[in-house]
Amino acid sequence: MGLEELLALPATVNVATAARALGIGRDKAYQLIKADEFPVATLPLGSTVRVPTVALWKVLGVDKADRSGA
């Protein structure tokens, strides 16, 4: 996933999208979440898990200047 696509993500994303951004598979992402080893904070919402985009950006090293286009 490129920077432009990362910056266009909504406020939260599903695990599959977060996994793609991190360069891992969906199944591996869920394994890491279950083991409490996923590198990004997750939001459990009932049977759904969402990943805050800002936290994903932080782990990937996307900084404020990248987001503002500066």
N, C-alpha and C. Protein backbone atom coordinates (compact mmCIF):
# COMPACT_ATOMS: atom_id res chain seq x y z
N MET A 1 0.86 -1.17 0.00
CA MET A 1 0.00 0.00 0.00
C MET A 1 0.91 1.23 0.00
N GLY A 2 0.65 2.13 -0.90
CA GLY A 2 1.45 3.34 -0.99
C GLY A 2 0.99 4.43 -0.04
N LEU A 3 1.79 5.47 0.08
CA LEU A 3 1.50 6.57 0.98
C LEU A 3 0.17 7.24 0.65
N GLU A 4 -0.08 7.48 -0.62
CA GLU A 4 -1.33 8.14 -1.01
C GLU A 4 -2.55 7.32 -0.58
N GLU A 5 -2.47 6.02 -0.76
CA GLU A 5 -3.58 5.15 -0.35
C GLU A 5 -3.71 5.13 1.18
N LEU A 6 -2.58 5.10 1.89
CA LEU A 6 -2.61 5.16 3.36
C LEU A 6 -3.29 6.43 3.85
N LEU A 7 -2.95 7.55 3.23
CA LEU A 7 -3.50 8.83 3.66
C LEU A 7 -4.98 8.97 3.34
N ALA A 8 -5.49 8.17 2.41
CA ALA A 8 -6.90 8.24 2.02
C ALA A 8 -7.79 7.32 2.86
N LEU A 9 -7.20 6.57 3.79
CA LEU A 9 -8.00 5.65 4.60
C LEU A 9 -8.95 6.40 5.52
N PRO A 10 -10.11 5.80 5.81
CA PRO A 10 -11.04 6.41 6.77
C PRO A 10 -10.48 6.34 8.19
N ALA A 11 -11.20 6.87 9.15
CA ALA A 11 -10.74 6.96 10.54
C ALA A 11 -10.39 5.60 11.15
N THR A 12 -11.13 4.57 10.80
CA THR A 12 -10.80 3.21 11.22
C THR A 12 -10.90 2.30 10.01
N VAL A 13 -10.14 1.22 10.06
CA VAL A 13 -10.16 0.24 8.98
C VAL A 13 -10.35 -1.16 9.55
N ASN A 14 -10.74 -2.08 8.68
CA ASN A 14 -10.88 -3.46 9.13
C ASN A 14 -9.50 -4.11 9.23
N VAL A 15 -9.45 -5.27 9.81
CA VAL A 15 -8.18 -5.96 10.03
C VAL A 15 -7.50 -6.31 8.71
N ALA A 16 -8.26 -6.70 7.71
CA ALA A 16 -7.67 -7.06 6.41
C ALA A 16 -6.94 -5.87 5.79
N THR A 17 -7.52 -4.69 5.89
CA THR A 17 -6.89 -3.48 5.34
C THR A 17 -5.64 -3.13 6.13
N ALA A 18 -5.72 -3.20 7.45
CA ALA A 18 -4.55 -2.92 8.29
C ALA A 18 -3.44 -3.92 8.00
N ALA A 19 -3.80 -5.18 7.84
CA ALA A 19 -2.81 -6.21 7.53
C ALA A 19 -2.13 -5.91 6.20
N ARG A 20 -2.90 -5.52 5.20
CA ARG A 20 -2.32 -5.20 3.89
C ARG A 20 -1.35 -4.04 4.01
N ALA A 21 -1.70 -3.02 4.80
CA ALA A 21 -0.81 -1.88 5.00
C ALA A 21 0.49 -2.31 5.67
N LEU A 22 0.41 -3.29 6.55
CA LEU A 22 1.58 -3.78 7.27
C LEU A 22 2.36 -4.83 6.48
N GLY A 23 1.79 -5.27 5.37
CA GLY A 23 2.48 -6.26 4.55
C GLY A 23 2.38 -7.68 5.05
N ILE A 24 1.30 -7.97 5.79
CA ILE A 24 1.07 -9.33 6.28
C ILE A 24 -0.32 -9.78 5.83
N GLY A 25 -0.57 -11.05 5.97
CA GLY A 25 -1.87 -11.60 5.60
C GLY A 25 -2.91 -11.38 6.69
N ARG A 26 -4.17 -11.49 6.28
CA ARG A 26 -5.28 -11.32 7.20
C ARG A 26 -5.24 -12.35 8.32
N ASP A 27 -5.00 -13.62 7.97
CA ASP A 27 -4.96 -14.67 8.99
C ASP A 27 -3.86 -14.42 10.01
N LYS A 28 -2.68 -13.99 9.53
CA LYS A 28 -1.58 -13.69 10.44
C LYS A 28 -1.95 -12.52 11.36
N ALA A 29 -2.63 -11.52 10.81
CA ALA A 29 -3.05 -10.38 11.62
C ALA A 29 -3.98 -10.83 12.74
N TYR A 30 -4.95 -11.69 12.43
CA TYR A 30 -5.86 -12.17 13.47
C TYR A 30 -5.12 -13.03 14.50
N GLN A 31 -4.13 -13.81 14.06
CA GLN A 31 -3.31 -14.58 15.01
C GLN A 31 -2.59 -13.64 15.98
N LEU A 32 -2.02 -12.57 15.44
CA LEU A 32 -1.31 -11.60 16.28
C LEU A 32 -2.25 -10.88 17.24
N ILE A 33 -3.44 -10.54 16.76
CA ILE A 33 -4.43 -9.88 17.62
C ILE A 33 -4.82 -10.82 18.76
N LYS A 34 -5.09 -12.07 18.43
CA LYS A 34 -5.47 -13.05 19.45
C LYS A 34 -4.37 -13.23 20.49
N ALA A 35 -3.11 -13.18 20.04
CA ALA A 35 -1.96 -13.34 20.94
C ALA A 35 -1.56 -12.03 21.61
N ASP A 36 -2.33 -10.97 21.37
CA ASP A 36 -2.05 -9.63 21.89
C ASP A 36 -0.66 -9.15 21.45
N GLU A 37 -0.30 -9.45 20.20
CA GLU A 37 0.99 -9.06 19.65
C GLU A 37 0.87 -8.23 18.38
N PHE A 38 -0.34 -7.83 18.02
CA PHE A 38 -0.53 -6.99 16.84
C PHE A 38 0.11 -5.64 17.12
N PRO A 39 0.88 -5.08 16.19
CA PRO A 39 1.65 -3.87 16.49
C PRO A 39 0.82 -2.58 16.55
N VAL A 40 -0.47 -2.68 16.33
CA VAL A 40 -1.34 -1.50 16.35
C VAL A 40 -2.49 -1.77 17.32
N ALA A 41 -2.87 -0.76 18.08
CA ALA A 41 -4.01 -0.88 18.99
C ALA A 41 -5.26 -1.19 18.17
N THR A 42 -6.10 -2.07 18.68
CA THR A 42 -7.34 -2.41 17.98
C THR A 42 -8.54 -2.00 18.81
N LEU A 43 -9.67 -1.86 18.13
CA LEU A 43 -10.94 -1.52 18.79
C LEU A 43 -11.89 -2.69 18.62
N PRO A 44 -12.06 -3.52 19.65
CA PRO A 44 -13.03 -4.60 19.55
C PRO A 44 -14.44 -4.02 19.69
N LEU A 45 -15.27 -4.28 18.71
CA LEU A 45 -16.65 -3.79 18.71
C LEU A 45 -17.57 -4.99 18.52
N GLY A 46 -17.87 -5.67 19.62
CA GLY A 46 -18.63 -6.91 19.52
C GLY A 46 -17.81 -7.95 18.80
N SER A 47 -18.35 -8.51 17.72
CA SER A 47 -17.62 -9.52 16.97
C SER A 47 -16.73 -8.92 15.88
N THR A 48 -16.72 -7.60 15.80
CA THR A 48 -15.93 -6.89 14.80
C THR A 48 -14.70 -6.27 15.46
N VAL A 49 -13.60 -6.22 14.72
CA VAL A 49 -12.39 -5.55 15.20
C VAL A 49 -12.04 -4.47 14.19
N ARG A 50 -11.84 -3.27 14.67
CA ARG A 50 -11.42 -2.15 13.81
C ARG A 50 -10.05 -1.68 14.27
N VAL A 51 -9.33 -1.06 13.35
CA VAL A 51 -7.99 -0.54 13.64
C VAL A 51 -8.00 0.95 13.37
N PRO A 52 -7.67 1.78 14.37
CA PRO A 52 -7.62 3.23 14.17
C PRO A 52 -6.52 3.59 13.17
N THR A 53 -6.86 4.34 12.16
CA THR A 53 -5.92 4.69 11.11
C THR A 53 -4.75 5.50 11.64
N VAL A 54 -4.98 6.41 12.57
CA VAL A 54 -3.89 7.22 13.12
C VAL A 54 -2.85 6.32 13.79
N ALA A 55 -3.30 5.30 14.51
CA ALA A 55 -2.37 4.36 15.15
C ALA A 55 -1.60 3.57 14.09
N LEU A 56 -2.27 3.20 13.02
CA LEU A 56 -1.61 2.50 11.92
C LEU A 56 -0.55 3.38 11.28
N TRP A 57 -0.89 4.65 11.04
CA TRP A 57 0.08 5.60 10.48
C TRP A 57 1.31 5.69 11.38
N LYS A 58 1.08 5.77 12.69
CA LYS A 58 2.19 5.92 13.63
C LYS A 58 3.15 4.73 13.54
N VAL A 59 2.61 3.53 13.53
CA VAL A 59 3.44 2.33 13.43
C VAL A 59 4.22 2.30 12.12
N LEU A 60 3.61 2.82 11.05
CA LEU A 60 4.25 2.82 9.74
C LEU A 60 5.17 4.02 9.52
N GLY A 61 5.23 4.92 10.51
CA GLY A 61 6.12 6.07 10.40
C GLY A 61 5.61 7.18 9.50
N VAL A 62 4.31 7.23 9.30
CA VAL A 62 3.71 8.33 8.53
C VAL A 62 3.55 9.49 9.50
N ASP A 63 4.19 10.62 9.21
CA ASP A 63 4.11 11.75 10.14
C ASP A 63 3.16 12.85 9.65
N LYS A 64 2.99 13.84 10.50
CA LYS A 64 2.04 14.92 10.23
C LYS A 64 2.32 15.65 8.91
N ALA A 65 3.56 15.84 8.59
CA ALA A 65 3.90 16.53 7.33
C ALA A 65 3.41 15.73 6.13
N ASP A 66 3.49 14.42 6.21
CA ASP A 66 2.98 13.56 5.14
C ASP A 66 1.47 13.73 4.98
N ARG A 67 0.77 13.83 6.10
CA ARG A 67 -0.70 13.95 6.07
C ARG A 67 -1.15 15.31 5.57
N SER A 68 -0.39 16.34 5.85
CA SER A 68 -0.80 17.69 5.45
C SER A 68 -0.38 18.01 4.02
N GLY A 69 0.43 17.15 3.44
CA GLY A 69 0.90 17.39 2.09
C GLY A 69 2.08 18.34 2.03
N ALA A 70 2.64 18.72 3.19
CA ALA A 70 3.79 19.63 3.24
C ALA A 70 5.08 18.93 2.90
